Protein backbone atom coordinates (compact mmCIF):
# COMPACT_ATOMS: atom_id res chain seq x y z
CA MET A 1 -47.42 75.67 58.63
CA ALA A 2 -48.24 72.87 56.16
CA PHE A 3 -45.48 71.13 54.33
CA SER A 4 -44.51 71.83 50.66
CA GLU A 5 -46.71 69.58 48.59
CA SER A 6 -44.77 70.50 45.41
CA LEU A 7 -41.58 69.18 47.13
CA ALA A 8 -43.52 66.07 48.21
CA VAL A 9 -44.45 65.46 44.57
CA ARG A 10 -40.83 65.72 43.52
CA VAL A 11 -39.77 63.30 46.26
CA ARG A 12 -42.45 60.76 45.27
CA GLN A 13 -41.12 60.90 41.66
CA VAL A 14 -37.63 60.14 42.74
CA LEU A 15 -38.62 57.40 45.16
CA GLY A 16 -40.95 55.84 42.60
CA ARG A 17 -42.83 52.63 43.48
CA ARG A 18 -40.39 50.76 45.78
CA HIS A 19 -41.41 47.63 47.60
CA GLY A 20 -41.76 48.48 51.30
CA LEU A 21 -42.12 52.23 50.86
CA VAL A 22 -44.74 53.93 53.01
CA GLU A 23 -45.66 57.53 53.21
CA LYS A 24 -46.84 58.78 56.53
CA LYS A 25 -47.91 62.24 57.98
CA MET A 26 -45.65 63.11 60.88
CA PHE A 27 -43.90 66.00 62.72
CA GLY A 28 -46.27 68.55 60.94
CA GLY A 29 -44.92 67.21 57.62
CA VAL A 30 -44.65 63.99 55.76
CA GLY A 31 -42.18 61.13 56.06
CA PHE A 32 -41.22 58.35 53.67
CA LEU A 33 -40.28 55.06 55.36
CA LEU A 34 -38.58 52.14 53.68
CA HIS A 35 -39.27 48.82 55.40
CA GLY A 36 -40.31 50.70 58.51
CA ASN A 37 -37.23 52.86 58.72
CA MET A 38 -37.61 56.56 58.23
CA CYS A 39 -35.68 57.64 55.09
CA VAL A 40 -36.52 61.15 54.09
CA GLY A 41 -39.32 63.62 54.91
CA ILE A 42 -40.46 67.15 54.31
CA TRP A 43 -40.79 69.67 57.00
CA LYS A 44 -42.23 72.97 55.85
CA HIS A 45 -40.27 73.63 52.60
CA SER A 46 -37.24 71.69 53.49
CA LEU A 47 -36.07 68.10 52.90
CA ILE A 48 -35.14 66.02 55.86
CA ALA A 49 -32.78 63.09 55.26
CA ARG A 50 -31.38 60.34 57.35
CA ILE A 51 -27.84 59.68 56.41
CA ASP A 52 -24.96 57.49 57.30
CA PRO A 53 -23.49 58.82 60.63
CA ALA A 54 -20.03 58.55 59.06
CA GLU A 55 -21.17 61.20 56.49
CA TYR A 56 -22.95 63.46 58.88
CA GLY A 57 -20.09 65.95 59.49
CA ARG A 58 -19.30 66.24 55.84
CA ALA A 59 -22.95 66.78 55.02
CA LEU A 60 -23.13 69.63 57.57
CA ASP A 61 -20.32 71.31 55.58
CA GLU A 62 -22.45 71.51 52.47
CA ASP A 63 -24.33 74.71 51.57
CA PHE A 64 -27.99 74.78 52.68
CA VAL A 65 -27.53 71.82 55.04
CA ARG A 66 -27.99 71.94 58.79
CA GLU A 67 -28.86 69.72 61.74
CA PHE A 68 -32.45 68.61 61.89
CA ASP A 69 -33.59 70.21 65.04
CA ILE A 70 -37.17 71.30 65.48
CA THR A 71 -37.42 70.57 69.23
CA GLY A 72 -34.16 71.92 70.60
CA ARG A 73 -32.64 68.45 70.57
CA PRO A 74 -30.88 67.61 67.22
CA MET A 75 -31.59 64.17 65.84
CA LYS A 76 -28.28 62.31 65.30
CA GLY A 77 -27.74 61.28 61.65
CA TRP A 78 -30.60 63.52 60.45
CA ILE A 79 -30.05 66.64 58.38
CA LEU A 80 -32.31 69.29 57.06
CA ILE A 81 -31.64 70.60 53.54
CA GLU A 82 -33.09 74.07 52.90
CA PRO A 83 -35.10 74.68 49.66
CA ASP A 84 -32.11 76.16 47.84
CA GLY A 85 -30.28 72.88 48.45
CA VAL A 86 -32.94 70.83 46.71
CA GLU A 87 -33.81 73.37 44.00
CA THR A 88 -32.85 71.08 41.09
CA ASP A 89 -33.90 67.45 40.51
CA ASP A 90 -30.16 66.48 40.66
CA GLN A 91 -29.76 68.01 44.08
CA LEU A 92 -32.93 66.44 45.44
CA SER A 93 -31.97 62.99 43.98
CA LEU A 94 -28.52 63.17 45.51
CA TRP A 95 -29.84 63.47 48.99
CA ILE A 96 -32.57 60.86 48.49
CA VAL A 97 -30.03 58.42 47.18
CA LYS A 98 -27.67 59.06 50.13
CA SER A 99 -30.51 58.29 52.45
CA LEU A 100 -31.68 55.26 50.70
CA ASP A 101 -28.09 53.89 50.63
CA PHE A 102 -27.93 54.17 54.43
CA ILE A 103 -31.40 52.87 55.11
CA ARG A 104 -30.75 49.79 53.07
CA THR A 105 -28.01 48.87 55.58
CA LEU A 106 -30.53 48.73 58.39
CA PRO A 107 -32.69 45.72 59.31
CA ALA A 108 -36.28 46.03 58.40
CA LYS A 109 -38.57 46.96 61.27
CA ALA A 110 -41.28 44.44 62.20
CA LYS A 111 -44.83 45.40 61.32
CA LYS A 112 -47.02 46.08 64.37
């Protein structure tokens, strides 16, 4: 199954033109990396977000949010927000900003 291009368009609008932002096809979807660190992505029709591990438990308590697990091994610090959880632009922006806030605390990865 291909990823939601309409969600990708919305994510691109929220992210805008940031220095160090790269879009890359991965895991059957698309990922958005900031300075080499994966930030958010789209898998099928859902948003994937990397968040502060300290907020992980609280995030899982939110409606339409679950662990990001497409292989049988959940990725720590990663969540999957179902389509109903990113239906509005405000909902989408909230998760993207949470992810950006965390990614900005990480060191940039060296280019290969």
